[in-house]
Amino acid sequence: MPEDLPEEGRSLEQQITDRDSSFRVHVLLHGMEEPFREVFELRIFGELSFRQIGTIFGKTENWARVTYHRARLKLRERMEKTAP
């Protein structure tokens, strides 16, 4: 089955909007400073726990939670500034 076809229950416009939004998030993340970008990506795309993220960085679970929260705020601010 071709990947270009809309999923059942979703219009082509919804898929395009979702793809555009997803691309926009990735572009904004690409410009985000470390460690915010990596912590956000590990949490959302890597589906790692805060404990695992803290371990990767040699930090605490709480550090990972705070850093993730700050990354979300930065991303939200940037999305609002670049809203079409």
PDB file of N, CA and C in Angstrom:
ATOM      1  N   MET A   1       0.846  -1.175   0.000  1.00  0.00           N
ATOM      2  CA  MET A   1       0.000   0.000   0.000  1.00  0.00           C
ATOM      3  C   MET A   1       0.896   1.244   0.000  1.00  0.00           C
ATOM      4  N   PRO A   2       0.676   2.183  -0.886  1.00  0.00           N
ATOM      5  CA  PRO A   2       1.510   3.378  -0.957  1.00  0.00           C
ATOM      6  C   PRO A   2       1.422   4.213   0.321  1.00  0.00           C
ATOM      7  N   GLU A   3       2.552   4.763   0.727  1.00  0.00           N
ATOM      8  CA  GLU A   3       2.589   5.572   1.937  1.00  0.00           C
ATOM      9  C   GLU A   3       1.940   6.942   1.734  1.00  0.00           C
ATOM     10  N   ASP A   4       1.750   7.357   0.491  1.00  0.00           N
ATOM     11  CA  ASP A   4       1.207   8.678   0.208  1.00  0.00           C
ATOM     12  C   ASP A   4      -0.291   8.775   0.474  1.00  0.00           C
ATOM     13  N   LEU A   5      -0.970   7.645   0.528  1.00  0.00           N
ATOM     14  CA  LEU A   5      -2.417   7.666   0.701  1.00  0.00           C
ATOM     15  C   LEU A   5      -2.779   8.059   2.123  1.00  0.00           C
ATOM     16  N   PRO A   6      -3.842   8.849   2.269  1.00  0.00           N
ATOM     17  CA  PRO A   6      -4.255   9.252   3.614  1.00  0.00           C
ATOM     18  C   PRO A   6      -4.684   8.057   4.439  1.00  0.00           C
ATOM     19  N   GLU A   7      -4.402   8.131   5.732  1.00  0.00           N
ATOM     20  CA  GLU A   7      -4.854   7.096   6.645  1.00  0.00           C
ATOM     21  C   GLU A   7      -6.359   7.213   6.779  1.00  0.00           C
ATOM     22  N   GLU A   8      -6.997   6.092   7.115  1.00  0.00           N
ATOM     23  CA  GLU A   8      -8.442   6.109   7.299  1.00  0.00           C
ATOM     24  C   GLU A   8      -8.805   7.098   8.389  1.00  0.00           C
ATOM     25  N   GLY A   9      -9.859   7.873   8.151  1.00  0.00           N
ATOM     26  CA  GLY A   9     -10.345   8.798   9.159  1.00  0.00           C
ATOM     27  C   GLY A   9      -9.603  10.127   9.210  1.00  0.00           C
ATOM     28  N   ARG A  10      -8.569  10.282   8.412  1.00  0.00           N
ATOM     29  CA  ARG A  10      -7.816  11.534   8.411  1.00  0.00           C
ATOM     30  C   ARG A  10      -7.761  12.069   6.992  1.00  0.00           C
ATOM     31  N   SER A  11      -8.044  13.350   6.849  1.00  0.00           N
ATOM     32  CA  SER A  11      -8.001  13.948   5.524  1.00  0.00           C
ATOM     33  C   SER A  11      -6.555  14.202   5.118  1.00  0.00           C
ATOM     34  N   LEU A  12      -6.374  14.390   3.854  1.00  0.00           N
ATOM     35  CA  LEU A  12      -5.048  14.693   3.316  1.00  0.00           C
ATOM     36  C   LEU A  12      -4.533  15.996   3.928  1.00  0.00           C
ATOM     37  N   GLU A  13      -5.418  16.971   4.121  1.00  0.00           N
ATOM     38  CA  GLU A  13      -5.026  18.244   4.717  1.00  0.00           C
ATOM     39  C   GLU A  13      -4.492  18.060   6.129  1.00  0.00           C
ATOM     40  N   GLN A  14      -5.138  17.184   6.905  1.00  0.00           N
ATOM     41  CA  GLN A  14      -4.675  16.918   8.267  1.00  0.00           C
ATOM     42  C   GLN A  14      -3.287  16.297   8.247  1.00  0.00           C
ATOM     43  N   GLN A  15      -3.067  15.374   7.332  1.00  0.00           N
ATOM     44  CA  GLN A  15      -1.752  14.744   7.246  1.00  0.00           C
ATOM     45  C   GLN A  15      -0.689  15.757   6.855  1.00  0.00           C
ATOM     46  N   ILE A  16      -1.002  16.618   5.896  1.00  0.00           N
ATOM     47  CA  ILE A  16      -0.030  17.624   5.469  1.00  0.00           C
ATOM     48  C   ILE A  16       0.270  18.564   6.618  1.00  0.00           C
ATOM     49  N   THR A  17      -0.763  18.996   7.315  1.00  0.00           N
ATOM     50  CA  THR A  17      -0.572  19.884   8.453  1.00  0.00           C
ATOM     51  C   THR A  17       0.295  19.206   9.502  1.00  0.00           C
ATOM     52  N   ASP A  18       0.022  17.957   9.794  1.00  0.00           N
ATOM     53  CA  ASP A  18       0.819  17.228  10.775  1.00  0.00           C
ATOM     54  C   ASP A  18       2.264  17.107  10.316  1.00  0.00           C
ATOM     55  N   ARG A  19       2.481  16.807   9.036  1.00  0.00           N
ATOM     56  CA  ARG A  19       3.842  16.711   8.507  1.00  0.00           C
ATOM     57  C   ARG A  19       4.537  18.055   8.562  1.00  0.00           C
ATOM     58  N   ASP A  20       3.808  19.118   8.190  1.00  0.00           N
ATOM     59  CA  ASP A  20       4.385  20.455   8.247  1.00  0.00           C
ATOM     60  C   ASP A  20       4.731  20.837   9.682  1.00  0.00           C
ATOM     61  N   SER A  21       3.843  20.548  10.598  1.00  0.00           N
ATOM     62  CA  SER A  21       4.099  20.843  12.010  1.00  0.00           C
ATOM     63  C   SER A  21       5.287  20.055  12.512  1.00  0.00           C
ATOM     64  N   SER A  22       5.336  18.804  12.141  1.00  0.00           N
ATOM     65  CA  SER A  22       6.446  17.955  12.557  1.00  0.00           C
ATOM     66  C   SER A  22       7.772  18.482  12.014  1.00  0.00           C
ATOM     67  N   PHE A  23       7.774  18.873  10.750  1.00  0.00           N
ATOM     68  CA  PHE A  23       8.994  19.415  10.150  1.00  0.00           C
ATOM     69  C   PHE A  23       9.400  20.707  10.854  1.00  0.00           C
ATOM     70  N   ARG A  24       8.429  21.545  11.130  1.00  0.00           N
ATOM     71  CA  ARG A  24       8.694  22.810  11.819  1.00  0.00           C
ATOM     72  C   ARG A  24       9.311  22.564  13.190  1.00  0.00           C
ATOM     73  N   VAL A  25       8.796  21.590  13.922  1.00  0.00           N
ATOM     74  CA  VAL A  25       9.350  21.239  15.233  1.00  0.00           C
ATOM     75  C   VAL A  25      10.793  20.793  15.078  1.00  0.00           C
ATOM     76  N   HIS A  26      11.068  19.963  14.078  1.00  0.00           N
ATOM     77  CA  HIS A  26      12.436  19.484  13.868  1.00  0.00           C
ATOM     78  C   HIS A  26      13.382  20.622  13.506  1.00  0.00           C
ATOM     79  N   VAL A  27      12.913  21.559  12.697  1.00  0.00           N
ATOM     80  CA  VAL A  27      13.750  22.710  12.337  1.00  0.00           C
ATOM     81  C   VAL A  27      14.057  23.536  13.579  1.00  0.00           C
ATOM     82  N   LEU A  28      13.041  23.790  14.393  1.00  0.00           N
ATOM     83  CA  LEU A  28      13.249  24.569  15.606  1.00  0.00           C
ATOM     84  C   LEU A  28      14.149  23.834  16.594  1.00  0.00           C
ATOM     85  N   LEU A  29      13.979  22.534  16.699  1.00  0.00           N
ATOM     86  CA  LEU A  29      14.845  21.744  17.576  1.00  0.00           C
ATOM     87  C   LEU A  29      16.292  21.784  17.109  1.00  0.00           C
ATOM     88  N   HIS A  30      16.480  21.740  15.817  1.00  0.00           N
ATOM     89  CA  HIS A  30      17.830  21.759  15.261  1.00  0.00           C
ATOM     90  C   HIS A  30      18.590  23.015  15.705  1.00  0.00           C
ATOM     91  N   GLY A  31      17.875  24.119  15.844  1.00  0.00           N
ATOM     92  CA  GLY A  31      18.501  25.368  16.254  1.00  0.00           C
ATOM     93  C   GLY A  31      18.589  25.566  17.759  1.00  0.00           C
ATOM     94  N   MET A  32      18.030  24.625  18.513  1.00  0.00           N
ATOM     95  CA  MET A  32      18.025  24.761  19.968  1.00  0.00           C
ATOM     96  C   MET A  32      19.389  24.378  20.546  1.00  0.00           C
ATOM     97  N   GLU A  33      19.787  25.091  21.586  1.00  0.00           N
ATOM     98  CA  GLU A  33      21.074  24.821  22.210  1.00  0.00           C
ATOM     99  C   GLU A  33      21.023  23.549  23.062  1.00  0.00           C
ATOM    100  N   GLU A  34      22.198  22.997  23.273  1.00  0.00           N
ATOM    101  CA  GLU A  34      22.331  21.818  24.131  1.00  0.00           C
ATOM    102  C   GLU A  34      22.369  22.273  25.581  1.00  0.00           C
ATOM    103  N   PRO A  35      21.961  21.488  26.517  1.00  0.00           N
ATOM    104  CA  PRO A  35      21.485  20.109  26.416  1.00  0.00           C
ATOM    105  C   PRO A  35      19.992  20.009  26.143  1.00  0.00           C
ATOM    106  N   PHE A  36      19.332  21.175  25.984  1.00  0.00           N
ATOM    107  CA  PHE A  36      17.877  21.167  25.833  1.00  0.00           C
ATOM    108  C   PHE A  36      17.422  20.311  24.654  1.00  0.00           C
ATOM    109  N   ARG A  37      18.090  20.485  23.523  1.00  0.00           N
ATOM    110  CA  ARG A  37      17.679  19.739  22.327  1.00  0.00           C
ATOM    111  C   ARG A  37      17.795  18.236  22.557  1.00  0.00           C
ATOM    112  N   GLU A  38      18.935  17.799  23.047  1.00  0.00           N
ATOM    113  CA  GLU A  38      19.135  16.362  23.198  1.00  0.00           C
ATOM    114  C   GLU A  38      18.206  15.758  24.243  1.00  0.00           C
ATOM    115  N   VAL A  39      18.002  16.460  25.338  1.00  0.00           N
ATOM    116  CA  VAL A  39      17.099  15.950  26.378  1.00  0.00           C
ATOM    117  C   VAL A  39      15.686  15.828  25.811  1.00  0.00           C
ATOM    118  N   PHE A  40      15.225  16.836  25.084  1.00  0.00           N
ATOM    119  CA  PHE A  40      13.890  16.789  24.484  1.00  0.00           C
ATOM    120  C   PHE A  40      13.779  15.628  23.510  1.00  0.00           C
ATOM    121  N   GLU A  41      14.777  15.481  22.650  1.00  0.00           N
ATOM    122  CA  GLU A  41      14.743  14.406  21.656  1.00  0.00           C
ATOM    123  C   GLU A  41      14.791  13.027  22.307  1.00  0.00           C
ATOM    124  N   LEU A  42      15.610  12.870  23.341  1.00  0.00           N
ATOM    125  CA  LEU A  42      15.686  11.576  24.025  1.00  0.00           C
ATOM    126  C   LEU A  42      14.352  11.231  24.687  1.00  0.00           C
ATOM    127  N   ARG A  43      13.698  12.239  25.239  1.00  0.00           N
ATOM    128  CA  ARG A  43      12.430  12.003  25.919  1.00  0.00           C
ATOM    129  C   ARG A  43      11.302  11.718  24.929  1.00  0.00           C
ATOM    130  N   ILE A  44      11.181  12.548  23.885  1.00  0.00           N
ATOM    131  CA  ILE A  44      10.058  12.429  22.954  1.00  0.00           C
ATOM    132  C   ILE A  44      10.297  11.352  21.903  1.00  0.00           C
ATOM    133  N   PHE A  45      11.418  11.425  21.233  1.00  0.00           N
ATOM    134  CA  PHE A  45      11.666  10.502  20.122  1.00  0.00           C
ATOM    135  C   PHE A  45      12.317   9.200  20.585  1.00  0.00           C
ATOM    136  N   GLY A  46      13.153   9.289  21.608  1.00  0.00           N
ATOM    137  CA  GLY A  46      13.807   8.093  22.127  1.00  0.00           C
ATOM    138  C   GLY A  46      12.971   7.373  23.164  1.00  0.00           C
ATOM    139  N   GLU A  47      11.933   8.055  23.664  1.00  0.00           N
ATOM    140  CA  GLU A  47      11.013   7.506  24.663  1.00  0.00           C
ATOM    141  C   GLU A  47      11.747   6.993  25.902  1.00  0.00           C
ATOM    142  N   LEU A  48      12.790   7.719  26.300  1.00  0.00           N
ATOM    143  CA  LEU A  48      13.545   7.336  27.492  1.00  0.00           C
ATOM    144  C   LEU A  48      12.927   7.969  28.734  1.00  0.00           C
ATOM    145  N   SER A  49      13.123   7.332  29.865  1.00  0.00           N
ATOM    146  CA  SER A  49      12.640   7.884  31.127  1.00  0.00           C
ATOM    147  C   SER A  49      13.579   9.007  31.560  1.00  0.00           C
ATOM    148  N   PHE A  50      13.111   9.823  32.487  1.00  0.00           N
ATOM    149  CA  PHE A  50      13.964  10.885  33.009  1.00  0.00           C
ATOM    150  C   PHE A  50      15.175  10.304  33.734  1.00  0.00           C
ATOM    151  N   ARG A  51      14.983   9.201  34.365  1.00  0.00           N
ATOM    152  CA  ARG A  51      16.105   8.543  35.051  1.00  0.00           C
ATOM    153  C   ARG A  51      17.169   8.132  34.032  1.00  0.00           C
ATOM    154  N   GLN A  52      16.748   7.547  32.915  1.00  0.00           N
ATOM    155  CA  GLN A  52      17.696   7.129  31.880  1.00  0.00           C
ATOM    156  C   GLN A  52      18.413   8.341  31.269  1.00  0.00           C
ATOM    157  N   ILE A  53      17.668   9.405  31.028  1.00  0.00           N
ATOM    158  CA  ILE A  53      18.268  10.610  30.462  1.00  0.00           C
ATOM    159  C   ILE A  53      19.290  11.186  31.437  1.00  0.00           C
ATOM    160  N   GLY A  54      18.943  11.247  32.715  1.00  0.00           N
ATOM    161  CA  GLY A  54      19.881  11.725  33.726  1.00  0.00           C
ATOM    162  C   GLY A  54      21.146  10.893  33.755  1.00  0.00           C
ATOM    163  N   THR A  55      20.986   9.589  33.638  1.00  0.00           N
ATOM    164  CA  THR A  55      22.146   8.690  33.633  1.00  0.00           C
ATOM    165  C   THR A  55      23.049   8.963  32.435  1.00  0.00           C
ATOM    166  N   ILE A  56      22.469   9.180  31.268  1.00  0.00           N
ATOM    167  CA  ILE A  56      23.254   9.465  30.071  1.00  0.00           C
ATOM    168  C   ILE A  56      24.121  10.700  30.273  1.00  0.00           C
ATOM    169  N   PHE A  57      23.565  11.713  30.924  1.00  0.00           N
ATOM    170  CA  PHE A  57      24.281  12.969  31.133  1.00  0.00           C
ATOM    171  C   PHE A  57      25.112  12.980  32.419  1.00  0.00           C
ATOM    172  N   GLY A  58      24.989  11.922  33.204  1.00  0.00           N
ATOM    173  CA  GLY A  58      25.698  11.893  34.481  1.00  0.00           C
ATOM    174  C   GLY A  58      25.085  12.857  35.485  1.00  0.00           C
ATOM    175  N   LYS A  59      23.783  13.046  35.372  1.00  0.00           N
ATOM    176  CA  LYS A  59      23.045  13.986  36.220  1.00  0.00           C
ATOM    177  C   LYS A  59      21.914  13.237  36.913  1.00  0.00           C
ATOM    178  N   THR A  60      21.130  13.982  37.678  1.00  0.00           N
ATOM    179  CA  THR A  60      20.015  13.368  38.396  1.00  0.00           C
ATOM    180  C   THR A  60      18.765  13.296  37.523  1.00  0.00           C
ATOM    181  N   GLU A  61      17.824  12.504  37.988  1.00  0.00           N
ATOM    182  CA  GLU A  61      16.521  12.413  37.320  1.00  0.00           C
ATOM    183  C   GLU A  61      15.835  13.773  37.349  1.00  0.00           C
ATOM    184  N   ASN A  62      15.945  14.476  38.471  1.00  0.00           N
ATOM    185  CA  ASN A  62      15.334  15.798  38.589  1.00  0.00           C
ATOM    186  C   ASN A  62      15.942  16.781  37.586  1.00  0.00           C
ATOM    187  N   TRP A  63      17.246  16.727  37.377  1.00  0.00           N
ATOM    188  CA  TRP A  63      17.896  17.580  36.384  1.00  0.00           C
ATOM    189  C   TRP A  63      17.280  17.338  35.006  1.00  0.00           C
ATOM    190  N   ALA A  64      17.070  16.065  34.675  1.00  0.00           N
ATOM    191  CA  ALA A  64      16.496  15.719  33.375  1.00  0.00           C
ATOM    192  C   ALA A  64      15.082  16.272  33.248  1.00  0.00           C
ATOM    193  N   ARG A  65      14.294  16.187  34.316  1.00  0.00           N
ATOM    194  CA  ARG A  65      12.927  16.716  34.300  1.00  0.00           C
ATOM    195  C   ARG A  65      12.918  18.232  34.086  1.00  0.00           C
ATOM    196  N   VAL A  66      13.753  18.935  34.826  1.00  0.00           N
ATOM    197  CA  VAL A  66      13.811  20.394  34.722  1.00  0.00           C
ATOM    198  C   VAL A  66      14.302  20.806  33.333  1.00  0.00           C
ATOM    199  N   THR A  67      15.322  20.137  32.829  1.00  0.00           N
ATOM    200  CA  THR A  67      15.875  20.465  31.512  1.00  0.00           C
ATOM    201  C   THR A  67      14.846  20.211  30.422  1.00  0.00           C
ATOM    202  N   TYR A  68      14.121  19.106  30.525  1.00  0.00           N
ATOM    203  CA  TYR A  68      13.059  18.795  29.557  1.00  0.00           C
ATOM    204  C   TYR A  68      11.968  19.866  29.603  1.00  0.00           C
ATOM    205  N   HIS A  69      11.562  20.243  30.811  1.00  0.00           N
ATOM    206  CA  HIS A  69      10.520  21.266  30.957  1.00  0.00           C
ATOM    207  C   HIS A  69      10.974  22.580  30.328  1.00  0.00           C
ATOM    208  N   ARG A  70      12.203  22.975  30.573  1.00  0.00           N
ATOM    209  CA  ARG A  70      12.731  24.212  29.985  1.00  0.00           C
ATOM    210  C   ARG A  70      12.815  24.109  28.470  1.00  0.00           C
ATOM    211  N   ALA A  71      13.177  22.932  27.965  1.00  0.00           N
ATOM    212  CA  ALA A  71      13.229  22.733  26.508  1.00  0.00           C
ATOM    213  C   ALA A  71      11.843  22.885  25.899  1.00  0.00           C
ATOM    214  N   ARG A  72      10.837  22.340  26.555  1.00  0.00           N
ATOM    215  CA  ARG A  72       9.453  22.473  26.073  1.00  0.00           C
ATOM    216  C   ARG A  72       9.035  23.936  26.025  1.00  0.00           C
ATOM    217  N   LEU A  73       9.378  24.689  27.068  1.00  0.00           N
ATOM    218  CA  LEU A  73       9.033  26.105  27.100  1.00  0.00           C
ATOM    219  C   LEU A  73       9.729  26.861  25.970  1.00  0.00           C
ATOM    220  N   LYS A  74      11.010  26.576  25.755  1.00  0.00           N
ATOM    221  CA  LYS A  74      11.763  27.226  24.680  1.00  0.00           C
ATOM    222  C   LYS A  74      11.148  26.893  23.321  1.00  0.00           C
ATOM    223  N   LEU A  75      10.800  25.627  23.126  1.00  0.00           N
ATOM    224  CA  LEU A  75      10.205  25.207  21.861  1.00  0.00           C
ATOM    225  C   LEU A  75       8.859  25.888  21.646  1.00  0.00           C
ATOM    226  N   ARG A  76       8.047  25.949  22.677  1.00  0.00           N
ATOM    227  CA  ARG A  76       6.735  26.596  22.573  1.00  0.00           C
ATOM    228  C   ARG A  76       6.901  28.078  22.219  1.00  0.00           C
ATOM    229  N   GLU A  77       7.836  28.754  22.874  1.00  0.00           N
ATOM    230  CA  GLU A  77       8.082  30.175  22.579  1.00  0.00           C
ATOM    231  C   GLU A  77       8.507  30.356  21.130  1.00  0.00           C
ATOM    232  N   ARG A  78       9.403  29.516  20.664  1.00  0.00           N
ATOM    233  CA  ARG A  78       9.894  29.624  19.290  1.00  0.00           C
ATOM    234  C   ARG A  78       8.791  29.323  18.290  1.00  0.00           C
ATOM    235  N   MET A  79       7.912  28.386  18.621  1.00  0.00           N
ATOM    236  CA  MET A  79       6.808  28.068  17.717  1.00  0.00           C
ATOM    237  C   MET A  79       5.842  29.249  17.628  1.00  0.00           C
ATOM    238  N   GLU A  80       5.607  29.913  18.744  1.00  0.00           N
ATOM    239  CA  GLU A  80       4.710  31.075  18.741  1.00  0.00           C
ATOM    240  C   GLU A  80       5.308  32.224  17.945  1.00  0.00           C
ATOM    241  N   LYS A  81       6.618  32.413  18.044  1.00  0.00           N
ATOM    242  CA  LYS A  81       7.296  33.496  17.306  1.00  0.00           C
ATOM    243  C   LYS A  81       7.292  33.252  15.803  1.00  0.00           C
ATOM    244  N   THR A  82       7.318  31.992  15.405  1.00  0.00           N
ATOM    245  CA  THR A  82       7.397  31.672  13.975  1.00  0.00           C
ATOM    246  C   THR A  82       6.076  31.167  13.416  1.00  0.00           C
ATOM    247  N   ALA A  83       4.997  31.376  14.169  1.00  0.00           N
ATOM    248  CA  ALA A  83       3.684  30.912  13.709  1.00  0.00           C
ATOM    249  C   ALA A  83       3.320  31.586  12.388  1.00  0.00           C
ATOM    250  N   PRO A  84       2.780  30.791  11.452  1.00  0.00           N
ATOM    251  CA  PRO A  84       2.398  31.349  10.145  1.00  0.00           C
ATOM    252  C   PRO A  84       1.250  32.326  10.232  1.00  0.00           C
TER     253      PRO A  84
END
